[in-house]
Full PDB file with SEQRES, HELIX, SHEET, SSBOND, CRYST1, ORIGX, SCALE, CONECT and MASTER records, all heavy atoms in Angstrom:
SEQRES   1 A   35  LEU ALA ASP ARG VAL ALA ALA ARG ARG LEU ALA PRO ALA          
SEQRES   2 A   35  LEU PHE GLY ARG LEU ALA VAL ALA ALA GLY VAL ALA ALA          
SEQRES   3 A   35  VAL PRO LEU ALA TYR PRO LEU TRP PHE                          
HELIX    1 AA1 ARG A    4  TRP A   34  1                                  31    
CRYST1    1.000    1.000    1.000  90.00  90.00  90.00 P 1           1          
ORIGX1      1.000000  0.000000  0.000000        0.00000                         
ORIGX2      0.000000  1.000000  0.000000        0.00000                         
ORIGX3      0.000000  0.000000  1.000000        0.00000                         
SCALE1      1.000000  0.000000  0.000000        0.00000                         
SCALE2      0.000000  1.000000  0.000000        0.00000                         
SCALE3      0.000000  0.000000  1.000000        0.00000                         
ATOM      1  N   LEU A   1       4.968  -1.144 -10.883  1.00  0.00           N  
ATOM      2  CA  LEU A   1       4.541  -2.179 -11.927  1.00  0.00           C  
ATOM      3  C   LEU A   1       5.290  -3.449 -11.764  1.00  0.00           C  
ATOM      4  O   LEU A   1       4.849  -4.518 -12.067  1.00  0.00           O  
ATOM      5  CB  LEU A   1       4.722  -1.510 -13.295  1.00  0.00           C  
ATOM      6  CG  LEU A   1       3.842  -0.354 -13.555  1.00  0.00           C  
ATOM      7  CD1 LEU A   1       4.120   0.242 -14.968  1.00  0.00           C  
ATOM      8  CD2 LEU A   1       2.373  -0.770 -13.611  1.00  0.00           C  
ATOM      9  N   ALA A   2       6.541  -3.376 -11.414  1.00  0.00           N  
ATOM     10  CA  ALA A   2       7.381  -4.513 -11.255  1.00  0.00           C  
ATOM     11  C   ALA A   2       7.153  -5.394 -10.007  1.00  0.00           C  
ATOM     12  O   ALA A   2       7.344  -6.652 -10.052  1.00  0.00           O  
ATOM     13  CB  ALA A   2       8.888  -4.259 -11.285  1.00  0.00           C  
ATOM     14  N   ASP A   3       6.705  -4.763  -9.051  1.00  0.00           N  
ATOM     15  CA  ASP A   3       6.510  -5.449  -7.630  1.00  0.00           C  
ATOM     16  C   ASP A   3       5.380  -4.711  -7.014  1.00  0.00           C  
ATOM     17  O   ASP A   3       5.538  -3.914  -6.146  1.00  0.00           O  
ATOM     18  CB  ASP A   3       7.870  -5.413  -6.812  1.00  0.00           C  
ATOM     19  CG  ASP A   3       7.635  -6.293  -5.537  1.00  0.00           C  
ATOM     20  OD1 ASP A   3       6.535  -6.733  -5.260  1.00  0.00           O  
ATOM     21  OD2 ASP A   3       8.692  -6.568  -5.001  1.00  0.00           O  
ATOM     22  N   ARG A   4       4.077  -5.032  -7.403  1.00  0.00           N  
ATOM     23  CA  ARG A   4       2.989  -4.456  -6.839  1.00  0.00           C  
ATOM     24  C   ARG A   4       2.832  -4.685  -5.307  1.00  0.00           C  
ATOM     25  O   ARG A   4       2.345  -3.726  -4.570  1.00  0.00           O  
ATOM     26  CB  ARG A   4       1.695  -4.897  -7.554  1.00  0.00           C  
ATOM     27  CG  ARG A   4       1.639  -4.469  -9.019  1.00  0.00           C  
ATOM     28  CD  ARG A   4       0.472  -5.042  -9.697  1.00  0.00           C  
ATOM     29  NE  ARG A   4       0.272  -4.522 -11.128  1.00  0.00           N  
ATOM     30  CZ  ARG A   4       0.947  -4.969 -12.129  1.00  0.00           C  
ATOM     31  NH1 ARG A   4       1.774  -6.029 -12.016  1.00  0.00           N  
ATOM     32  NH2 ARG A   4       0.659  -4.406 -13.342  1.00  0.00           N  
ATOM     33  N   VAL A   5       3.152  -5.877  -4.893  1.00  0.00           N  
ATOM     34  CA  VAL A   5       2.985  -6.116  -3.442  1.00  0.00           C  
ATOM     35  C   VAL A   5       3.924  -5.250  -2.679  1.00  0.00           C  
ATOM     36  O   VAL A   5       3.411  -4.600  -1.563  1.00  0.00           O  
ATOM     37  CB  VAL A   5       3.298  -7.622  -3.131  1.00  0.00           C  
ATOM     38  CG1 VAL A   5       3.319  -7.964  -1.695  1.00  0.00           C  
ATOM     39  CG2 VAL A   5       2.340  -8.584  -3.911  1.00  0.00           C  
ATOM     40  N   ALA A   6       5.155  -5.048  -2.915  1.00  0.00           N  
ATOM     41  CA  ALA A   6       6.018  -4.217  -2.162  1.00  0.00           C  
ATOM     42  C   ALA A   6       5.571  -2.762  -2.307  1.00  0.00           C  
ATOM     43  O   ALA A   6       5.702  -1.972  -1.312  1.00  0.00           O  
ATOM     44  CB  ALA A   6       7.435  -4.364  -2.749  1.00  0.00           C  
ATOM     45  N   ALA A   7       5.123  -2.330  -3.475  1.00  0.00           N  
ATOM     46  CA  ALA A   7       4.739  -0.976  -3.639  1.00  0.00           C  
ATOM     47  C   ALA A   7       3.509  -0.610  -2.728  1.00  0.00           C  
ATOM     48  O   ALA A   7       3.476   0.450  -2.110  1.00  0.00           O  
ATOM     49  CB  ALA A   7       4.303  -0.707  -5.133  1.00  0.00           C  
ATOM     50  N   ARG A   8       2.542  -1.529  -2.586  1.00  0.00           N  
ATOM     51  CA  ARG A   8       1.359  -1.331  -1.719  1.00  0.00           C  
ATOM     52  C   ARG A   8       1.821  -1.263  -0.343  1.00  0.00           C  
ATOM     53  O   ARG A   8       1.310  -0.490   0.533  1.00  0.00           O  
ATOM     54  CB  ARG A   8       0.265  -2.428  -1.998  1.00  0.00           C  
ATOM     55  CG  ARG A   8      -0.502  -2.217  -3.226  1.00  0.00           C  
ATOM     56  CD  ARG A   8      -1.736  -3.061  -3.156  1.00  0.00           C  
ATOM     57  NE  ARG A   8      -1.336  -4.530  -3.262  1.00  0.00           N  
ATOM     58  CZ  ARG A   8      -1.186  -5.210  -4.400  1.00  0.00           C  
ATOM     59  NH1 ARG A   8      -1.525  -4.662  -5.516  1.00  0.00           N  
ATOM     60  NH2 ARG A   8      -0.931  -6.519  -4.221  1.00  0.00           N  
ATOM     61  N   ARG A   9       2.784  -2.049   0.088  1.00  0.00           N  
ATOM     62  CA  ARG A   9       3.284  -2.090   1.438  1.00  0.00           C  
ATOM     63  C   ARG A   9       4.036  -0.829   1.831  1.00  0.00           C  
ATOM     64  O   ARG A   9       3.943  -0.256   2.904  1.00  0.00           O  
ATOM     65  CB  ARG A   9       4.130  -3.333   1.638  1.00  0.00           C  
ATOM     66  CG  ARG A   9       4.698  -3.538   3.122  1.00  0.00           C  
ATOM     67  CD  ARG A   9       5.353  -4.823   3.323  1.00  0.00           C  
ATOM     68  NE  ARG A   9       6.664  -4.758   2.614  1.00  0.00           N  
ATOM     69  CZ  ARG A   9       6.901  -5.527   1.518  1.00  0.00           C  
ATOM     70  NH1 ARG A   9       6.070  -6.212   0.964  1.00  0.00           N  
ATOM     71  NH2 ARG A   9       8.085  -5.417   0.883  1.00  0.00           N  
ATOM     72  N   LEU A  10       4.807  -0.291   0.870  1.00  0.00           N  
ATOM     73  CA  LEU A  10       5.758   0.890   1.238  1.00  0.00           C  
ATOM     74  C   LEU A  10       5.079   2.188   0.920  1.00  0.00           C  
ATOM     75  O   LEU A  10       5.581   3.187   1.404  1.00  0.00           O  
ATOM     76  CB  LEU A  10       6.970   0.675   0.363  1.00  0.00           C  
ATOM     77  CG  LEU A  10       7.851  -0.564   0.631  1.00  0.00           C  
ATOM     78  CD1 LEU A  10       8.983  -0.636  -0.425  1.00  0.00           C  
ATOM     79  CD2 LEU A  10       8.460  -0.373   2.075  1.00  0.00           C  
ATOM     80  N   ALA A  11       3.953   2.192   0.187  1.00  0.00           N  
ATOM     81  CA  ALA A  11       3.418   3.479  -0.340  1.00  0.00           C  
ATOM     82  C   ALA A  11       2.930   4.368   0.917  1.00  0.00           C  
ATOM     83  O   ALA A  11       3.249   5.597   0.868  1.00  0.00           O  
ATOM     84  CB  ALA A  11       2.249   3.215  -1.263  1.00  0.00           C  
ATOM     85  N   PRO A  12       2.299   3.886   1.874  1.00  0.00           N  
ATOM     86  CA  PRO A  12       1.754   4.797   2.922  1.00  0.00           C  
ATOM     87  C   PRO A  12       2.925   5.469   3.592  1.00  0.00           C  
ATOM     88  O   PRO A  12       2.808   6.817   3.863  1.00  0.00           O  
ATOM     89  CB  PRO A  12       1.014   3.845   3.888  1.00  0.00           C  
ATOM     90  CG  PRO A  12       0.635   2.677   3.054  1.00  0.00           C  
ATOM     91  CD  PRO A  12       1.758   2.561   1.956  1.00  0.00           C  
ATOM     92  N   ALA A  13       4.053   4.848   3.978  1.00  0.00           N  
ATOM     93  CA  ALA A  13       5.058   5.524   4.697  1.00  0.00           C  
ATOM     94  C   ALA A  13       5.703   6.478   3.729  1.00  0.00           C  
ATOM     95  O   ALA A  13       6.209   7.499   4.169  1.00  0.00           O  
ATOM     96  CB  ALA A  13       6.021   4.467   5.146  1.00  0.00           C  
ATOM     97  N   LEU A  14       5.846   6.149   2.493  1.00  0.00           N  
ATOM     98  CA  LEU A  14       6.463   6.984   1.467  1.00  0.00           C  
ATOM     99  C   LEU A  14       5.773   8.336   1.364  1.00  0.00           C  
ATOM    100  O   LEU A  14       6.319   9.422   1.448  1.00  0.00           O  
ATOM    101  CB  LEU A  14       6.634   6.380   0.127  1.00  0.00           C  
ATOM    102  CG  LEU A  14       7.240   7.118  -1.059  1.00  0.00           C  
ATOM    103  CD1 LEU A  14       7.964   6.113  -2.053  1.00  0.00           C  
ATOM    104  CD2 LEU A  14       6.398   7.998  -1.802  1.00  0.00           C  
ATOM    105  N   PHE A  15       4.374   8.213   1.245  1.00  0.00           N  
ATOM    106  CA  PHE A  15       3.576   9.456   1.093  1.00  0.00           C  
ATOM    107  C   PHE A  15       3.588  10.275   2.408  1.00  0.00           C  
ATOM    108  O   PHE A  15       3.486  11.528   2.429  1.00  0.00           O  
ATOM    109  CB  PHE A  15       2.105   9.161   0.700  1.00  0.00           C  
ATOM    110  CG  PHE A  15       2.002   8.784  -0.805  1.00  0.00           C  
ATOM    111  CD1 PHE A  15       1.602   7.361  -1.152  1.00  0.00           C  
ATOM    112  CD2 PHE A  15       2.353   9.598  -1.827  1.00  0.00           C  
ATOM    113  CE1 PHE A  15       1.464   7.081  -2.398  1.00  0.00           C  
ATOM    114  CE2 PHE A  15       2.253   9.259  -3.115  1.00  0.00           C  
ATOM    115  CZ  PHE A  15       1.823   7.990  -3.497  1.00  0.00           C  
ATOM    116  N   GLY A  16       3.670   9.545   3.483  1.00  0.00           N  
ATOM    117  CA  GLY A  16       3.819  10.260   4.765  1.00  0.00           C  
ATOM    118  C   GLY A  16       5.034  11.082   4.830  1.00  0.00           C  
ATOM    119  O   GLY A  16       5.004  12.166   5.381  1.00  0.00           O  
ATOM    120  N   ARG A  17       6.132  10.439   4.402  1.00  0.00           N  
ATOM    121  CA  ARG A  17       7.484  11.246   4.512  1.00  0.00           C  
ATOM    122  C   ARG A  17       7.422  12.440   3.574  1.00  0.00           C  
ATOM    123  O   ARG A  17       7.885  13.483   3.914  1.00  0.00           O  
ATOM    124  CB  ARG A  17       8.611  10.307   4.061  1.00  0.00           C  
ATOM    125  CG  ARG A  17       9.014   9.232   5.090  1.00  0.00           C  
ATOM    126  CD  ARG A  17      10.210   8.466   4.784  1.00  0.00           C  
ATOM    127  NE  ARG A  17      10.194   7.796   3.451  1.00  0.00           N  
ATOM    128  CZ  ARG A  17       9.758   6.524   3.333  1.00  0.00           C  
ATOM    129  NH1 ARG A  17       9.304   5.846   4.434  1.00  0.00           N  
ATOM    130  NH2 ARG A  17       9.810   5.966   2.176  1.00  0.00           N  
ATOM    131  N   LEU A  18       6.802  12.209   2.377  1.00  0.00           N  
ATOM    132  CA  LEU A  18       6.708  13.360   1.465  1.00  0.00           C  
ATOM    133  C   LEU A  18       5.908  14.506   2.028  1.00  0.00           C  
ATOM    134  O   LEU A  18       6.198  15.645   1.863  1.00  0.00           O  
ATOM    135  CB  LEU A  18       6.163  12.874   0.166  1.00  0.00           C  
ATOM    136  CG  LEU A  18       7.033  11.967  -0.677  1.00  0.00           C  
ATOM    137  CD1 LEU A  18       6.312  11.500  -1.970  1.00  0.00           C  
ATOM    138  CD2 LEU A  18       8.349  12.589  -1.049  1.00  0.00           C  
ATOM    139  N   ALA A  19       4.786  14.085   2.754  1.00  0.00           N  
ATOM    140  CA  ALA A  19       3.936  15.178   3.321  1.00  0.00           C  
ATOM    141  C   ALA A  19       4.702  15.883   4.306  1.00  0.00           C  
ATOM    142  O   ALA A  19       4.616  17.158   4.441  1.00  0.00           O  
ATOM    143  CB  ALA A  19       2.688  14.542   3.876  1.00  0.00           C  
ATOM    144  N   VAL A  20       5.386  15.228   5.315  1.00  0.00           N  
ATOM    145  CA  VAL A  20       6.093  15.920   6.307  1.00  0.00           C  
ATOM    146  C   VAL A  20       7.187  16.775   5.632  1.00  0.00           C  
ATOM    147  O   VAL A  20       7.455  17.909   6.026  1.00  0.00           O  
ATOM    148  CB  VAL A  20       6.775  14.839   7.274  1.00  0.00           C  
ATOM    149  CG1 VAL A  20       7.693  15.646   8.153  1.00  0.00           C  
ATOM    150  CG2 VAL A  20       5.773  14.203   8.024  1.00  0.00           C  
ATOM    151  N   ALA A  21       7.887  16.265   4.608  1.00  0.00           N  
ATOM    152  CA  ALA A  21       8.973  17.008   3.943  1.00  0.00           C  
ATOM    153  C   ALA A  21       8.412  18.226   3.303  1.00  0.00           C  
ATOM    154  O   ALA A  21       9.048  19.339   3.327  1.00  0.00           O  
ATOM    155  CB  ALA A  21       9.623  16.077   2.860  1.00  0.00           C  
ATOM    156  N   ALA A  22       7.284  18.184   2.713  1.00  0.00           N  
ATOM    157  CA  ALA A  22       6.650  19.393   2.103  1.00  0.00           C  
ATOM    158  C   ALA A  22       6.414  20.444   3.067  1.00  0.00           C  
ATOM    159  O   ALA A  22       6.613  21.627   2.783  1.00  0.00           O  
ATOM    160  CB  ALA A  22       5.354  18.990   1.377  1.00  0.00           C  
ATOM    161  N   GLY A  23       5.887  20.061   4.209  1.00  0.00           N  
ATOM    162  CA  GLY A  23       5.644  21.051   5.288  1.00  0.00           C  
ATOM    163  C   GLY A  23       6.908  21.716   5.847  1.00  0.00           C  
ATOM    164  O   GLY A  23       6.917  22.840   6.109  1.00  0.00           O  
ATOM    165  N   VAL A  24       7.904  20.903   5.989  1.00  0.00           N  
ATOM    166  CA  VAL A  24       9.137  21.396   6.587  1.00  0.00           C  
ATOM    167  C   VAL A  24       9.764  22.343   5.503  1.00  0.00           C  
ATOM    168  O   VAL A  24      10.272  23.520   5.863  1.00  0.00           O  
ATOM    169  CB  VAL A  24      10.044  20.239   6.913  1.00  0.00           C  
ATOM    170  CG1 VAL A  24      11.543  20.774   7.234  1.00  0.00           C  
ATOM    171  CG2 VAL A  24       9.550  19.461   8.069  1.00  0.00           C  
ATOM    172  N   ALA A  25       9.790  22.002   4.208  1.00  0.00           N  
ATOM    173  CA  ALA A  25      10.515  22.726   3.179  1.00  0.00           C  
ATOM    174  C   ALA A  25       9.913  24.042   3.010  1.00  0.00           C  
ATOM    175  O   ALA A  25      10.379  25.020   2.627  1.00  0.00           O  
ATOM    176  CB  ALA A  25      10.665  21.996   1.951  1.00  0.00           C  
ATOM    177  N   ALA A  26       8.366  24.062   3.144  1.00  0.00           N  
ATOM    178  CA  ALA A  26       7.696  25.230   2.886  1.00  0.00           C  
ATOM    179  C   ALA A  26       8.169  26.475   3.835  1.00  0.00           C  
ATOM    180  O   ALA A  26       7.934  27.650   3.413  1.00  0.00           O  
ATOM    181  CB  ALA A  26       6.193  24.989   3.043  1.00  0.00           C  
ATOM    182  N   VAL A  27       8.567  26.167   5.003  1.00  0.00           N  
ATOM    183  CA  VAL A  27       8.893  27.172   5.961  1.00  0.00           C  
ATOM    184  C   VAL A  27      10.104  28.009   5.458  1.00  0.00           C  
ATOM    185  O   VAL A  27      10.008  29.340   5.314  1.00  0.00           O  
ATOM    186  CB  VAL A  27       9.218  26.672   7.330  1.00  0.00           C  
ATOM    187  CG1 VAL A  27       9.634  27.793   8.250  1.00  0.00           C  
ATOM    188  CG2 VAL A  27       7.984  25.940   7.901  1.00  0.00           C  
ATOM    189  N   PRO A  28      11.256  27.534   5.084  1.00  0.00           N  
ATOM    190  CA  PRO A  28      12.358  28.329   4.694  1.00  0.00           C  
ATOM    191  C   PRO A  28      12.197  28.774   3.212  1.00  0.00           C  
ATOM    192  O   PRO A  28      12.904  29.674   2.749  1.00  0.00           O  
ATOM    193  CB  PRO A  28      13.558  27.499   4.797  1.00  0.00           C  
ATOM    194  CG  PRO A  28      13.007  25.983   4.651  1.00  0.00           C  
ATOM    195  CD  PRO A  28      11.676  26.051   5.265  1.00  0.00           C  
ATOM    196  N   LEU A  29      11.281  28.146   2.445  1.00  0.00           N  
ATOM    197  CA  LEU A  29      11.223  28.420   1.056  1.00  0.00           C  
ATOM    198  C   LEU A  29      10.037  29.434   0.641  1.00  0.00           C  
ATOM    199  O   LEU A  29      10.022  29.981  -0.456  1.00  0.00           O  
ATOM    200  CB  LEU A  29      11.083  27.133   0.214  1.00  0.00           C  
ATOM    201  CG  LEU A  29      12.209  26.223   0.086  1.00  0.00           C  
ATOM    202  CD1 LEU A  29      11.859  24.898  -0.652  1.00  0.00           C  
ATOM    203  CD2 LEU A  29      13.407  26.825  -0.388  1.00  0.00           C  
ATOM    204  N   ALA A  30       9.206  29.677   1.499  1.00  0.00           N  
ATOM    205  CA  ALA A  30       7.950  30.447   1.232  1.00  0.00           C  
ATOM    206  C   ALA A  30       8.404  31.837   0.721  1.00  0.00           C  
ATOM    207  O   ALA A  30       7.943  32.285  -0.397  1.00  0.00           O  
ATOM    208  CB  ALA A  30       7.099  30.567   2.409  1.00  0.00           C  
ATOM    209  N   TYR A  31       9.116  32.572   1.476  1.00  0.00           N  
ATOM    210  CA  TYR A  31       9.557  33.998   1.065  1.00  0.00           C  
ATOM    211  C   TYR A  31      10.469  33.909  -0.212  1.00  0.00           C  
ATOM    212  O   TYR A  31      10.191  34.740  -1.111  1.00  0.00           O  
ATOM    213  CB  TYR A  31      10.186  34.707   2.163  1.00  0.00           C  
ATOM    214  CG  TYR A  31      10.608  36.025   1.812  1.00  0.00           C  
ATOM    215  CD1 TYR A  31       9.719  37.028   1.528  1.00  0.00           C  
ATOM    216  CD2 TYR A  31      12.013  36.285   1.606  1.00  0.00           C  
ATOM    217  CE1 TYR A  31      10.152  38.384   1.142  1.00  0.00           C  
ATOM    218  CE2 TYR A  31      12.356  37.601   1.285  1.00  0.00           C  
ATOM    219  CZ  TYR A  31      11.473  38.627   0.973  1.00  0.00           C  
ATOM    220  OH  TYR A  31      11.890  39.929   0.540  1.00  0.00           O  
ATOM    221  N   PRO A  32      11.524  33.116  -0.191  1.00  0.00           N  
ATOM    222  CA  PRO A  32      12.371  33.116  -1.417  1.00  0.00           C  
ATOM    223  C   PRO A  32      11.622  32.795  -2.721  1.00  0.00           C  
ATOM    224  O   PRO A  32      11.894  33.448  -3.675  1.00  0.00           O  
ATOM    225  CB  PRO A  32      13.424  32.007  -1.028  1.00  0.00           C  
ATOM    226  CG  PRO A  32      13.566  32.059   0.406  1.00  0.00           C  
ATOM    227  CD  PRO A  32      12.176  32.268   0.937  1.00  0.00           C  
ATOM    228  N   LEU A  33      10.686  31.831  -2.678  1.00  0.00           N  
ATOM    229  CA  LEU A  33       9.946  31.527  -3.836  1.00  0.00           C  
ATOM    230  C   LEU A  33       9.025  32.743  -4.242  1.00  0.00           C  
ATOM    231  O   LEU A  33       8.826  32.996  -5.452  1.00  0.00           O  
ATOM    232  CB  LEU A  33       9.207  30.227  -3.734  1.00  0.00           C  
ATOM    233  CG  LEU A  33      10.036  28.949  -3.581  1.00  0.00           C  
ATOM    234  CD1 LEU A  33       9.220  27.787  -3.345  1.00  0.00           C  
ATOM    235  CD2 LEU A  33      10.897  28.787  -4.852  1.00  0.00           C  
ATOM    236  N   TRP A  34       8.445  33.331  -3.223  1.00  0.00           N  
ATOM    237  CA  TRP A  34       7.626  34.503  -3.545  1.00  0.00           C  
ATOM    238  C   TRP A  34       8.500  35.569  -4.231  1.00  0.00           C  
ATOM    239  O   TRP A  34       8.139  36.154  -5.184  1.00  0.00           O  
ATOM    240  CB  TRP A  34       6.980  35.146  -2.264  1.00  0.00           C  
ATOM    241  CG  TRP A  34       6.298  36.352  -2.590  1.00  0.00           C  
ATOM    242  CD1 TRP A  34       4.996  36.483  -2.877  1.00  0.00           C  
ATOM    243  CD2 TRP A  34       6.844  37.718  -2.517  1.00  0.00           C  
ATOM    244  NE1 TRP A  34       4.720  37.903  -3.036  1.00  0.00           N  
ATOM    245  CE2 TRP A  34       5.743  38.615  -2.861  1.00  0.00           C  
ATOM    246  CE3 TRP A  34       8.137  38.180  -2.163  1.00  0.00           C  
ATOM    247  CZ2 TRP A  34       5.998  39.964  -2.890  1.00  0.00           C  
ATOM    248  CZ3 TRP A  34       8.383  39.595  -2.218  1.00  0.00           C  
ATOM    249  CH2 TRP A  34       7.322  40.450  -2.669  1.00  0.00           C  
ATOM    250  N   PHE A  35       9.628  35.831  -3.662  1.00  0.00           N  
ATOM    251  CA  PHE A  35      10.551  36.731  -4.163  1.00  0.00           C  
ATOM    252  C   PHE A  35      10.954  36.494  -5.639  1.00  0.00           C  
ATOM    253  O   PHE A  35      11.018  37.359  -6.403  1.00  0.00           O  
ATOM    254  CB  PHE A  35      11.818  36.899  -3.260  1.00  0.00           C  
ATOM    255  CG  PHE A  35      12.650  38.121  -3.511  1.00  0.00           C  
ATOM    256  CD1 PHE A  35      12.456  39.252  -2.735  1.00  0.00           C  
ATOM    257  CD2 PHE A  35      13.663  38.128  -4.518  1.00  0.00           C  
ATOM    258  CE1 PHE A  35      13.264  40.338  -2.968  1.00  0.00           C  
ATOM    259  CE2 PHE A  35      14.414  39.224  -4.741  1.00  0.00           C  
ATOM    260  CZ  PHE A  35      14.191  40.351  -3.967  1.00  0.00           C  
TER     261      PHE A  35                                                      
MASTER        0    0    0    1    0    0    0    6  260    1    0    3          
END                                                                             
């Protein structure tokens, strides 16, 4: 809200990092969270 231009520029890379992170974290966490 404070800097819409910067937010639009940075958002794609941010969501990309989050998607990769979710996939990586899911591997060691799948069984413990099921447990």
